[in-house]
C-alpha atoms as a PDB file:
ATOM      1  CA  MET A   1     110.701 144.751 125.451  1.00  0.00           C
ATOM      2  CA  THR A   2     111.040 148.376 124.375  1.00  0.00           C
ATOM      3  CA  LEU A   3     107.958 150.480 125.037  1.00  0.00           C
ATOM      4  CA  ALA A   4     107.073 153.874 123.694  1.00  0.00           C
ATOM      5  CA  ALA A   5     104.551 156.167 125.343  1.00  0.00           C
ATOM      6  CA  LEU A   6     102.247 157.752 122.798  1.00  0.00           C
ATOM      7  CA  ASP A   7     100.337 161.001 122.570  1.00  0.00           C
ATOM      8  CA  PHE A   8      96.809 160.163 121.445  1.00  0.00           C
ATOM      9  CA  GLU A   9      95.100 163.460 122.249  1.00  0.00           C
ATOM     10  CA  LEU A  10      92.788 164.504 119.422  1.00  0.00           C
ATOM     11  CA  PRO A  11      93.444 167.954 117.945  1.00  0.00           C
ATOM     12  CA  THR A  12      91.017 170.671 118.922  1.00  0.00           C
ATOM     13  CA  ASN A  13      90.840 172.056 115.400  1.00  0.00           C
ATOM     14  CA  THR A  14      91.803 171.305 111.827  1.00  0.00           C
ATOM     15  CA  THR A  15      92.807 173.546 108.971  1.00  0.00           C
ATOM     16  CA  ARG A  16      91.474 171.204 106.299  1.00  0.00           C
ATOM     17  CA  PRO A  17      88.505 172.585 104.355  1.00  0.00           C
ATOM     18  CA  ALA A  18      85.281 170.594 104.218  1.00  0.00           C
ATOM     19  CA  ARG A  19      84.395 168.845 100.985  1.00  0.00           C
ATOM     20  CA  ASN A  20      81.222 167.163  99.827  1.00  0.00           C
ATOM     21  CA  ARG A  21      83.192 164.420  98.121  1.00  0.00           C
ATOM     22  CA  LEU A  22      86.510 162.812  99.018  1.00  0.00           C
ATOM     23  CA  ARG A  23      89.228 162.371  96.426  1.00  0.00           C
ATOM     24  CA  ALA A  24      90.873 159.063  97.208  1.00  0.00           C
ATOM     25  CA  VAL A  25      94.065 157.325  96.113  1.00  0.00           C
ATOM     26  CA  LEU A  26      94.264 153.539  96.437  1.00  0.00           C
ATOM     27  CA  LEU A  27      97.684 152.056  97.130  1.00  0.00           C
ATOM     28  CA  GLY A  28      97.577 148.634  95.519  1.00  0.00           C
ATOM     29  CA  CYS A  29      94.695 146.744  93.982  1.00  0.00           C
ATOM     30  CA  GLY A  30      95.273 143.224  95.193  1.00  0.00           C
ATOM     31  CA  THR A  31      93.140 141.036  97.434  1.00  0.00           C
ATOM     32  CA  VAL A  32      92.083 143.766  99.868  1.00  0.00           C
ATOM     33  CA  ASN A  33      91.833 146.858  97.691  1.00  0.00           C
ATOM     34  CA  SER A  34      90.071 145.063  94.859  1.00  0.00           C
ATOM     35  CA  GLY A  35      87.313 144.399  97.386  1.00  0.00           C
ATOM     36  CA  VAL A  36      87.495 147.995  98.579  1.00  0.00           C
ATOM     37  CA  LEU A  37      87.217 149.212  94.990  1.00  0.00           C
ATOM     38  CA  ASP A  38      84.028 147.192  94.535  1.00  0.00           C
ATOM     39  CA  GLY A  39      82.606 148.709  97.720  1.00  0.00           C
ATOM     40  CA  LEU A  40      83.502 152.260  96.714  1.00  0.00           C
ATOM     41  CA  GLU A  41      81.399 151.868  93.577  1.00  0.00           C
ATOM     42  CA  THR A  42      78.371 152.029  95.878  1.00  0.00           C
ATOM     43  CA  MET A  43      79.527 155.430  97.215  1.00  0.00           C
ATOM     44  CA  PRO A  44      79.862 157.549  94.053  1.00  0.00           C
ATOM     45  CA  GLY A  45      78.425 160.638  95.696  1.00  0.00           C
ATOM     46  CA  GLU A  46      80.905 160.457  98.573  1.00  0.00           C
ATOM     47  CA  ILE A  47      84.137 159.083  97.096  1.00  0.00           C
ATOM     48  CA  GLU A  48      85.923 160.039  93.895  1.00  0.00           C
ATOM     49  CA  ILE A  49      88.806 157.721  93.027  1.00  0.00           C
ATOM     50  CA  ALA A  50      91.569 160.015  91.797  1.00  0.00           C
ATOM     51  CA  ALA A  51      94.234 157.355  91.237  1.00  0.00           C
ATOM     52  CA  ILE A  52      95.122 153.720  91.839  1.00  0.00           C
ATOM     53  CA  VAL A  53      98.777 152.812  92.310  1.00  0.00           C
ATOM     54  CA  THR A  54      99.930 149.387  91.108  1.00  0.00           C
ATOM     55  CA  ARG A  55     103.316 147.813  90.495  1.00  0.00           C
ATOM     56  CA  SER A  56     102.673 147.288  86.778  1.00  0.00           C
ATOM     57  CA  PRO A  57     101.041 149.811  84.405  1.00  0.00           C
ATOM     58  CA  ARG A  58      97.322 149.344  83.698  1.00  0.00           C
ATOM     59  CA  THR A  59      94.980 151.067  81.311  1.00  0.00           C
ATOM     60  CA  ALA A  60      92.022 152.992  82.744  1.00  0.00           C
ATOM     61  CA  THR A  61      88.646 151.773  81.532  1.00  0.00           C
ATOM     62  CA  ASP A  62      86.347 154.442  82.981  1.00  0.00           C
ATOM     63  CA  GLY A  63      88.200 157.467  81.618  1.00  0.00           C
ATOM     64  CA  ARG A  64      88.262 159.097  85.076  1.00  0.00           C
ATOM     65  CA  THR A  65      90.596 157.097  87.319  1.00  0.00           C
ATOM     66  CA  ALA A  66      94.337 157.256  86.689  1.00  0.00           C
ATOM     67  CA  TRP A  67      96.223 153.979  87.071  1.00  0.00           C
ATOM     68  CA  LEU A  68      99.767 154.930  88.068  1.00  0.00           C
ATOM     69  CA  THR A  69     102.971 153.238  89.138  1.00  0.00           C
ATOM     70  CA  ASP A  70     104.522 156.204  90.961  1.00  0.00           C
ATOM     71  CA  ILE A  71     103.187 157.050  94.417  1.00  0.00           C
ATOM     72  CA  ARG A  72     104.258 160.689  94.266  1.00  0.00           C
ATOM     73  CA  ASP A  73     102.440 161.136  90.960  1.00  0.00           C
ATOM     74  CA  ALA A  74      99.327 159.715  92.614  1.00  0.00           C
ATOM     75  CA  PHE A  75      99.642 162.071  95.583  1.00  0.00           C
ATOM     76  CA  ASP A  76     100.044 164.989  93.198  1.00  0.00           C
ATOM     77  CA  THR A  77      96.419 164.411  92.079  1.00  0.00           C
ATOM     78  CA  GLY A  78      95.378 166.177  95.311  1.00  0.00           C
ATOM     79  CA  PRO A  79      93.758 163.411  97.371  1.00  0.00           C
ATOM     80  CA  ASP A  80      91.980 163.918 100.680  1.00  0.00           C
ATOM     81  CA  LEU A  81      92.341 160.234 101.519  1.00  0.00           C
ATOM     82  CA  VAL A  82      94.872 157.440 100.958  1.00  0.00           C
ATOM     83  CA  ILE A  83      93.564 153.879 101.167  1.00  0.00           C
ATOM     84  CA  ASP A  84      96.503 151.562 101.791  1.00  0.00           C
ATOM     85  CA  GLY A  85      96.231 147.937 100.716  1.00  0.00           C
ATOM     86  CA  LEU A  86      99.941 147.275 100.204  1.00  0.00           C
ATOM     87  CA  PRO A  87     101.866 144.480 101.934  1.00  0.00           C
ATOM     88  CA  ASP A  88     104.656 145.248 104.376  1.00  0.00           C
ATOM     89  CA  CYS A  89     107.376 146.768 102.203  1.00  0.00           C
ATOM     90  CA  PRO A  90     109.563 149.905 102.050  1.00  0.00           C
ATOM     91  CA  ALA A  91     107.240 151.455  99.442  1.00  0.00           C
ATOM     92  CA  ALA A  92     104.255 151.148 101.793  1.00  0.00           C
ATOM     93  CA  GLU A  93     106.135 152.744 104.671  1.00  0.00           C
ATOM     94  CA  LYS A  94     107.351 155.617 102.500  1.00  0.00           C
ATOM     95  CA  ALA A  95     103.841 156.135 101.125  1.00  0.00           C
ATOM     96  CA  LEU A  96     102.250 156.379 104.558  1.00  0.00           C
ATOM     97  CA  ASP A  97     105.008 158.708 105.731  1.00  0.00           C
ATOM     98  CA  LEU A  98     104.417 160.939 102.711  1.00  0.00           C
ATOM     99  CA  ALA A  99     100.640 160.920 103.227  1.00  0.00           C
ATOM    100  CA  VAL A 100     101.056 162.079 106.822  1.00  0.00           C
ATOM    101  CA  GLU A 101     103.610 164.691 105.765  1.00  0.00           C
ATOM    102  CA  ARG A 102     101.186 166.101 103.177  1.00  0.00           C
ATOM    103  CA  GLY A 103      98.225 166.153 105.570  1.00  0.00           C
ATOM    104  CA  ILE A 104      96.209 163.427 103.845  1.00  0.00           C
ATOM    105  CA  HIS A 105      93.819 161.179 105.766  1.00  0.00           C
ATOM    106  CA  VAL A 106      94.889 157.517 105.852  1.00  0.00           C
ATOM    107  CA  VAL A 107      92.891 154.290 106.052  1.00  0.00           C
ATOM    108  CA  SER A 108      95.201 151.277 106.143  1.00  0.00           C
ATOM    109  CA  ALA A 109      95.209 147.528 106.702  1.00  0.00           C
ATOM    110  CA  ASN A 110      99.000 147.387 106.996  1.00  0.00           C
ATOM    111  CA  LYS A 111      99.558 146.243 110.549  1.00  0.00           C
ATOM    112  CA  ALA A 112     103.306 145.665 110.159  1.00  0.00           C
ATOM    113  CA  VAL A 113     104.142 149.204 109.040  1.00  0.00           C
ATOM    114  CA  ILE A 114     101.730 150.798 111.522  1.00  0.00           C
ATOM    115  CA  ALA A 115     103.126 148.736 114.407  1.00  0.00           C
ATOM    116  CA  ARG A 116     106.682 149.619 113.415  1.00  0.00           C
ATOM    117  CA  ARG A 117     105.916 153.323 113.003  1.00  0.00           C
ATOM    118  CA  PRO A 118     103.688 154.528 115.870  1.00  0.00           C
ATOM    119  CA  ASP A 119     104.858 158.064 115.069  1.00  0.00           C
ATOM    120  CA  LEU A 120     102.710 158.090 111.913  1.00  0.00           C
ATOM    121  CA  GLU A 121      99.464 158.067 113.871  1.00  0.00           C
ATOM    122  CA  VAL A 122     100.735 160.613 116.384  1.00  0.00           C
ATOM    123  CA  ARG A 123     101.898 162.989 113.647  1.00  0.00           C
ATOM    124  CA  ALA A 124      98.613 162.630 111.774  1.00  0.00           C
ATOM    125  CA  ARG A 125      96.632 163.554 114.874  1.00  0.00           C
ATOM    126  CA  HIS A 126      98.813 166.579 115.482  1.00  0.00           C
ATOM    127  CA  ASN A 127      98.257 167.602 111.851  1.00  0.00           C
ATOM    128  CA  GLY A 128      94.490 167.356 112.266  1.00  0.00           C
ATOM    129  CA  THR A 129      94.107 164.331 109.987  1.00  0.00           C
ATOM    130  CA  ARG A 130      92.780 160.842 110.605  1.00  0.00           C
ATOM    131  CA  PHE A 131      94.996 157.748 110.568  1.00  0.00           C
ATOM    132  CA  VAL A 132      92.796 154.695 111.087  1.00  0.00           C
ATOM    133  CA  TYR A 133      93.405 150.984 110.689  1.00  0.00           C
ATOM    134  CA  SER A 134      90.532 148.847 111.979  1.00  0.00           C
ATOM    135  CA  ALA A 135      91.247 146.235 109.295  1.00  0.00           C
ATOM    136  CA  ALA A 136      94.790 145.735 110.588  1.00  0.00           C
ATOM    137  CA  VAL A 137      93.533 143.604 113.498  1.00  0.00           C
ATOM    138  CA  GLY A 138      90.817 140.978 113.255  1.00  0.00           C
ATOM    139  CA  GLY A 139      89.680 141.510 109.673  1.00  0.00           C
ATOM    140  CA  GLY A 140      85.912 141.484 110.043  1.00  0.00           C
ATOM    141  CA  VAL A 141      86.139 141.178 113.849  1.00  0.00           C
ATOM    142  CA  PRO A 142      85.890 144.652 115.471  1.00  0.00           C
ATOM    143  CA  VAL A 143      88.783 144.241 117.892  1.00  0.00           C
ATOM    144  CA  LEU A 144      90.257 147.743 117.901  1.00  0.00           C
ATOM    145  CA  GLU A 145      86.838 149.375 117.618  1.00  0.00           C
ATOM    146  CA  THR A 146      85.621 147.497 120.700  1.00  0.00           C
ATOM    147  CA  ILE A 147      88.720 148.375 122.692  1.00  0.00           C
ATOM    148  CA  ILE A 148      88.337 152.053 121.802  1.00  0.00           C
ATOM    149  CA  ARG A 149      84.676 152.017 122.890  1.00  0.00           C
ATOM    150  CA  LEU A 150      85.508 150.303 126.187  1.00  0.00           C
ATOM    151  CA  VAL A 151      88.291 152.751 127.017  1.00  0.00           C
ATOM    152  CA  SER A 152      86.075 155.700 126.039  1.00  0.00           C
ATOM    153  CA  ALA A 153      83.411 154.348 128.419  1.00  0.00           C
ATOM    154  CA  GLY A 154      85.906 154.435 131.285  1.00  0.00           C
ATOM    155  CA  GLU A 155      86.840 150.765 131.389  1.00  0.00           C
ATOM    156  CA  ARG A 156      90.428 149.903 132.282  1.00  0.00           C
ATOM    157  CA  ILE A 157      91.534 146.938 130.199  1.00  0.00           C
ATOM    158  CA  GLU A 158      93.551 144.283 131.948  1.00  0.00           C
ATOM    159  CA  ARG A 159      94.173 141.675 129.226  1.00  0.00           C
ATOM    160  CA  VAL A 160      93.471 140.905 125.592  1.00  0.00           C
ATOM    161  CA  ARG A 161      94.129 137.470 124.195  1.00  0.00           C
ATOM    162  CA  GLY A 162      92.976 135.404 121.308  1.00  0.00           C
ATOM    163  CA  VAL A 163      93.499 133.778 117.947  1.00  0.00           C
ATOM    164  CA  LEU A 164      94.489 136.768 115.815  1.00  0.00           C
ATOM    165  CA  ASN A 165      95.920 135.138 112.701  1.00  0.00           C
ATOM    166  CA  GLY A 166      93.473 133.398 110.378  1.00  0.00           C
ATOM    167  CA  THR A 167      96.204 131.868 108.215  1.00  0.00           C
ATOM    168  CA  SER A 168      97.863 130.016 111.087  1.00  0.00           C
ATOM    169  CA  ASN A 169      94.484 128.801 112.295  1.00  0.00           C
ATOM    170  CA  PHE A 170      93.606 127.560 108.807  1.00  0.00           C
ATOM    171  CA  VAL A 171      96.933 125.714 108.574  1.00  0.00           C
ATOM    172  CA  LEU A 172      96.568 124.174 112.053  1.00  0.00           C
ATOM    173  CA  GLY A 173      93.113 122.918 111.100  1.00  0.00           C
ATOM    174  CA  LEU A 174      94.530 121.104 108.081  1.00  0.00           C
ATOM    175  CA  LEU A 175      97.412 119.686 110.118  1.00  0.00           C
ATOM    176  CA  GLU A 176      94.819 118.231 112.498  1.00  0.00           C
ATOM    177  CA  GLN A 177      93.363 116.350 109.535  1.00  0.00           C
ATOM    178  CA  GLY A 178      96.718 114.843 108.581  1.00  0.00           C
ATOM    179  CA  THR A 179      97.617 117.266 105.790  1.00  0.00           C
ATOM    180  CA  GLY A 180     101.343 117.901 105.388  1.00  0.00           C
ATOM    181  CA  PHE A 181     102.749 121.309 106.272  1.00  0.00           C
ATOM    182  CA  ASP A 182     103.642 122.335 102.721  1.00  0.00           C
ATOM    183  CA  ASP A 183     100.245 121.277 101.396  1.00  0.00           C
ATOM    184  CA  ALA A 184      98.490 123.153 104.211  1.00  0.00           C
ATOM    185  CA  ILE A 185     100.392 126.339 103.357  1.00  0.00           C
ATOM    186  CA  ALA A 186      99.579 125.925  99.660  1.00  0.00           C
ATOM    187  CA  ALA A 187      95.896 125.529 100.522  1.00  0.00           C
ATOM    188  CA  ALA A 188      95.964 128.698 102.621  1.00  0.00           C
ATOM    189  CA  GLN A 189      97.554 130.571  99.725  1.00  0.00           C
ATOM    190  CA  ALA A 190      95.027 129.196  97.241  1.00  0.00           C
ATOM    191  CA  ALA A 191      92.192 130.315  99.542  1.00  0.00           C
ATOM    192  CA  GLY A 192      93.587 133.863  99.622  1.00  0.00           C
ATOM    193  CA  PHE A 193      94.532 133.792 103.311  1.00  0.00           C
ATOM    194  CA  ALA A 194      98.326 133.450 103.051  1.00  0.00           C
ATOM    195  CA  GLU A 195     100.769 135.653 101.140  1.00  0.00           C
ATOM    196  CA  ALA A 196     103.272 134.246  98.661  1.00  0.00           C
ATOM    197  CA  ASP A 197     105.724 134.481 101.567  1.00  0.00           C
ATOM    198  CA  PRO A 198     103.702 133.169 104.547  1.00  0.00           C
ATOM    199  CA  SER A 199     106.490 133.499 107.108  1.00  0.00           C
ATOM    200  CA  ALA A 200     104.946 136.472 108.956  1.00  0.00           C
ATOM    201  CA  ASP A 201     101.830 134.398 109.659  1.00  0.00           C
ATOM    202  CA  ILE A 202     103.587 131.118 110.364  1.00  0.00           C
ATOM    203  CA  ASP A 203     106.300 132.601 112.588  1.00  0.00           C
ATOM    204  CA  GLY A 204     103.874 134.650 114.685  1.00  0.00           C
ATOM    205  CA  LEU A 205     105.150 138.023 113.439  1.00  0.00           C
ATOM    206  CA  ASP A 206     101.744 139.048 112.090  1.00  0.00           C
ATOM    207  CA  ALA A 207     100.090 138.297 115.435  1.00  0.00           C
ATOM    208  CA  ALA A 208     102.871 140.172 117.261  1.00  0.00           C
ATOM    209  CA  ALA A 209     102.262 143.277 115.131  1.00  0.00           C
ATOM    210  CA  LYS A 210      98.558 143.061 115.936  1.00  0.00           C
ATOM    211  CA  LEU A 211      99.352 142.818 119.652  1.00  0.00           C
ATOM    212  CA  ALA A 212     101.378 146.022 119.367  1.00  0.00           C
ATOM    213  CA  LEU A 213      98.368 147.801 117.861  1.00  0.00           C
ATOM    214  CA  ILE A 214      96.056 146.372 120.514  1.00  0.00           C
ATOM    215  CA  ALA A 215      98.398 147.588 123.267  1.00  0.00           C
ATOM    216  CA  ARG A 216      98.414 151.028 121.661  1.00  0.00           C
ATOM    217  CA  LYS A 217      94.632 151.332 121.899  1.00  0.00           C
ATOM    218  CA  ALA A 218      94.161 149.465 125.184  1.00  0.00           C
ATOM    219  CA  PHE A 219      97.071 150.878 127.189  1.00  0.00           C
ATOM    220  CA  GLY A 220      98.357 153.910 125.282  1.00  0.00           C
ATOM    221  CA  ILE A 221     101.742 152.228 124.972  1.00  0.00           C
ATOM    222  CA  ALA A 222     103.387 150.813 121.858  1.00  0.00           C
ATOM    223  CA  PRO A 223     105.487 147.684 122.376  1.00  0.00           C
ATOM    224  CA  ASP A 224     108.180 147.017 119.807  1.00  0.00           C
ATOM    225  CA  ALA A 225     106.479 144.266 117.791  1.00  0.00           C
ATOM    226  CA  GLU A 226     109.820 142.816 116.713  1.00  0.00           C
ATOM    227  CA  ARG A 227     110.744 142.180 120.356  1.00  0.00           C
ATOM    228  CA  ILE A 228     107.524 140.356 121.257  1.00  0.00           C
ATOM    229  CA  PRO A 229     108.370 136.652 121.786  1.00  0.00           C
ATOM    230  CA  ALA A 230     106.644 134.482 119.182  1.00  0.00           C
ATOM    231  CA  ASP A 231     106.498 130.726 118.552  1.00  0.00           C
ATOM    232  CA  SER A 232     106.656 129.471 114.969  1.00  0.00           C
ATOM    233  CA  LEU A 233     104.361 126.792 113.598  1.00  0.00           C
ATOM    234  CA  LEU A 234     107.537 125.235 112.203  1.00  0.00           C
ATOM    235  CA  SER A 235     108.393 124.216 115.769  1.00  0.00           C
ATOM    236  CA  LEU A 236     105.434 121.822 115.722  1.00  0.00           C
ATOM    237  CA  ASP A 237     105.505 118.377 114.177  1.00  0.00           C
ATOM    238  CA  PRO A 238     102.304 117.714 112.165  1.00  0.00           C
ATOM    239  CA  GLY A 239     101.961 114.406 113.990  1.00  0.00           C
ATOM    240  CA  GLN A 240     102.030 116.315 117.269  1.00  0.00           C
ATOM    241  CA  VAL A 241      99.048 118.383 116.118  1.00  0.00           C
ATOM    242  CA  CYS A 242      97.139 115.264 115.012  1.00  0.00           C
ATOM    243  CA  GLY A 243      97.911 113.474 118.254  1.00  0.00           C
ATOM    244  CA  ALA A 244      96.685 116.393 120.333  1.00  0.00           C
ATOM    245  CA  ARG A 245      93.396 116.451 118.398  1.00  0.00           C
ATOM    246  CA  GLU A 246      92.865 112.748 119.007  1.00  0.00           C
ATOM    247  CA  ASN A 247      93.256 113.441 122.720  1.00  0.00           C
ATOM    248  CA  GLY A 248      90.724 116.268 122.844  1.00  0.00           C
ATOM    249  CA  LEU A 249      93.220 119.107 122.484  1.00  0.00           C
ATOM    250  CA  ARG A 250      93.649 121.676 119.725  1.00  0.00           C
ATOM    251  CA  TYR A 251      96.792 123.651 119.032  1.00  0.00           C
ATOM    252  CA  ARG A 252      96.214 127.348 118.586  1.00  0.00           C
ATOM    253  CA  GLN A 253      98.496 130.302 117.928  1.00  0.00           C
ATOM    254  CA  LEU A 254      97.498 132.334 120.957  1.00  0.00           C
ATOM    255  CA  ALA A 255      98.413 136.025 121.140  1.00  0.00           C
ATOM    256  CA  GLU A 256      98.161 137.755 124.517  1.00  0.00           C
ATOM    257  CA  VAL A 257      98.946 141.174 125.936  1.00  0.00           C
ATOM    258  CA  SER A 258      98.305 142.192 129.534  1.00  0.00           C
ATOM    259  CA  ARG A 259      99.027 145.022 131.947  1.00  0.00           C
ATOM    260  CA  SER A 260     100.180 144.343 135.494  1.00  0.00           C
ATOM    261  CA  GLU A 261      99.370 146.454 138.545  1.00  0.00           C
ATOM    262  CA  ASP A 262     102.660 148.339 138.218  1.00  0.00           C
ATOM    263  CA  GLY A 263     101.778 149.298 134.643  1.00  0.00           C
ATOM    264  CA  THR A 264     104.253 147.033 132.868  1.00  0.00           C
ATOM    265  CA  ILE A 265     103.113 145.337 129.663  1.00  0.00           C
ATOM    266  CA  ASP A 266     103.649 141.675 128.836  1.00  0.00           C
ATOM    267  CA  ALA A 267     103.019 140.467 125.285  1.00  0.00           C
ATOM    268  CA  ARG A 268     103.693 137.137 123.620  1.00  0.00           C
ATOM    269  CA  VAL A 269     102.548 134.810 120.831  1.00  0.00           C
ATOM    270  CA  SER A 270     102.506 131.155 121.889  1.00  0.00           C
ATOM    271  CA  LEU A 271     101.497 127.804 120.438  1.00  0.00           C
ATOM    272  CA  ILE A 272      99.273 126.213 123.068  1.00  0.00           C
ATOM    273  CA  ALA A 273      97.251 123.006 123.119  1.00  0.00           C
ATOM    274  CA  LEU A 274      93.852 123.960 124.542  1.00  0.00           C
ATOM    275  CA  PRO A 275      90.942 121.708 125.540  1.00  0.00           C
ATOM    276  CA  GLU A 276      88.651 121.440 122.520  1.00  0.00           C
ATOM    277  CA  ASP A 277      85.741 123.013 124.428  1.00  0.00           C
ATOM    278  CA  HIS A 278      87.793 126.119 125.344  1.00  0.00           C
ATOM    279  CA  PRO A 279      86.374 129.244 123.638  1.00  0.00           C
ATOM    280  CA  LEU A 280      89.761 130.040 122.102  1.00  0.00           C
ATOM    281  CA  ALA A 281      90.055 126.520 120.666  1.00  0.00           C
ATOM    282  CA  ARG A 282      86.791 126.799 118.741  1.00  0.00           C
ATOM    283  CA  PRO A 283      87.637 129.122 115.836  1.00  0.00           C
ATOM    284  CA  GLU A 284      87.810 127.181 112.573  1.00  0.00           C
ATOM    285  CA  ASN A 285      89.706 127.894 109.360  1.00  0.00           C
ATOM    286  CA  GLU A 286      90.319 131.662 108.991  1.00  0.00           C
ATOM    287  CA  GLU A 287      88.190 132.625 112.004  1.00  0.00           C
ATOM    288  CA  ASN A 288      89.466 134.790 114.855  1.00  0.00           C
ATOM    289  CA  THR A 289      88.297 134.775 118.451  1.00  0.00           C
ATOM    290  CA  VAL A 290      89.379 137.493 120.871  1.00  0.00           C
ATOM    291  CA  GLU A 291      88.736 137.851 124.601  1.00  0.00           C
ATOM    292  CA  ILE A 292      88.954 141.300 126.236  1.00  0.00           C
ATOM    293  CA  VAL A 293      89.036 141.381 130.040  1.00  0.00           C
ATOM    294  CA  CYS A 294      88.564 144.611 132.003  1.00  0.00           C
ATOM    295  CA  GLU A 295      89.593 145.313 135.592  1.00  0.00           C
ATOM    296  CA  SER A 296      85.914 145.849 136.435  1.00  0.00           C
ATOM    297  CA  GLY A 297      85.282 142.171 135.695  1.00  0.00           C
ATOM    298  CA  LEU A 298      83.650 142.830 132.332  1.00  0.00           C
ATOM    299  CA  LYS A 299      84.632 140.276 129.709  1.00  0.00           C
ATOM    300  CA  VAL A 300      83.913 140.720 126.005  1.00  0.00           C
ATOM    301  CA  VAL A 301      84.390 137.863 123.528  1.00  0.00           C
ATOM    302  CA  LEU A 302      84.497 138.624 119.797  1.00  0.00           C
ATOM    303  CA  HIS A 303      84.344 136.042 117.022  1.00  0.00           C
ATOM    304  CA  GLY A 304      84.296 136.131 113.236  1.00  0.00           C
ATOM    305  CA  LYS A 305      86.313 135.818 110.056  1.00  0.00           C
ATOM    306  CA  GLY A 306      89.741 137.326 110.492  1.00  0.00           C
ATOM    307  CA  ALA A 307      91.252 136.926 107.043  1.00  0.00           C
ATOM    308  CA  GLY A 308      90.316 137.050 103.402  1.00  0.00           C
ATOM    309  CA  ARG A 309      89.143 139.604 100.868  1.00  0.00           C
ATOM    310  CA  GLY A 310      85.604 140.166 102.144  1.00  0.00           C
ATOM    311  CA  PRO A 311      86.183 140.680 105.890  1.00  0.00           C
ATOM    312  CA  THR A 312      89.293 142.825 105.484  1.00  0.00           C
ATOM    313  CA  ALA A 313      87.867 144.986 102.698  1.00  0.00           C
ATOM    314  CA  GLY A 314      84.679 145.364 104.742  1.00  0.00           C
ATOM    315  CA  ALA A 315      86.660 146.712 107.703  1.00  0.00           C
ATOM    316  CA  VAL A 316      88.483 149.208 105.443  1.00  0.00           C
ATOM    317  CA  LEU A 317      85.176 150.371 103.992  1.00  0.00           C
ATOM    318  CA  ALA A 318      83.733 150.781 107.496  1.00  0.00           C
ATOM    319  CA  ASP A 319      86.625 153.120 108.370  1.00  0.00           C
ATOM    320  CA  ILE A 320      86.000 155.092 105.180  1.00  0.00           C
ATOM    321  CA  ARG A 321      82.282 155.422 105.954  1.00  0.00           C
ATOM    322  CA  ASP A 322      83.112 156.607 109.483  1.00  0.00           C
ATOM    323  CA  LEU A 323      85.432 159.217 108.018  1.00  0.00           C
ATOM    324  CA  VAL A 324      82.751 160.425 105.624  1.00  0.00           C
ATOM    325  CA  ALA A 325      80.127 160.482 108.388  1.00  0.00           C
ATOM    326  CA  ALA A 326      82.426 162.509 110.656  1.00  0.00           C
ATOM    327  CA  GLY A 327      82.408 165.280 108.055  1.00  0.00           C
ATOM    328  CA  GLU A 328      86.088 166.045 108.621  1.00  0.00           C
ATOM    329  CA  VAL A 329      86.989 166.390 104.950  1.00  0.00           C
END
């Protein structure tokens, strides 16, 4: 596994002028950013929406917000903040790169791009801008926020493991009930948990990207998410999942990253049959459960909804409120 050491020192000063109101550009207005847009309507004195970028042209209804299809045109409106709700795609990566280059604050839920490009966060910090992504891990479960607080308090984290992908958990729950694989995927898509292409969730790639971000905050090291071993749900027979449930076991897509005494990092995403009373076997549907273990013996267990419009948009909005409260723009 390739590891990259990261520079996470905060800048001592910033050249950005203070503003009473942030001009924001939204990248995408799908499941996540439509929820963010609703939340921003409650912050009119703090956030001004300069532009919303979508794939297809739309007509503005409020006379103030520009709906655009070109990211550079949107950035030319002079935003202080980019709110990224795009899926993993070249356009999203280019947009985040451009935002960092132009010295614009970024709030993103795009764990794949952020895991693949650890340099974006480092460059943003060196430029005196914020690059935050609480929603990228755990949805409404404050995984990264908790890790940051623990490390800031002097705790040395030893291991983080848990159910990090709500879609896979939702699908496994239906397989336990005898639902076929294709029907379970379709149900996850209909519920708004799975993308049109669910392979990142099903093959463990989404959980691997989240592990890379967890390692970044917990250990200051960025594993290459694409090299993290991951089991695919396709390797399971639905009857195998049903049979395990009948015998008091529950299959879970378990993501784990740990640091050994010599400082090496081990990360993997595995399909494991756990006893039904195990804390990590208990999350239902789109729920996530995460266990953080510190070398001091402290153990923190987090639980909540890890997928869907509400939890993810709520985490994005929390990052935006933190940014506003910090008074850095």
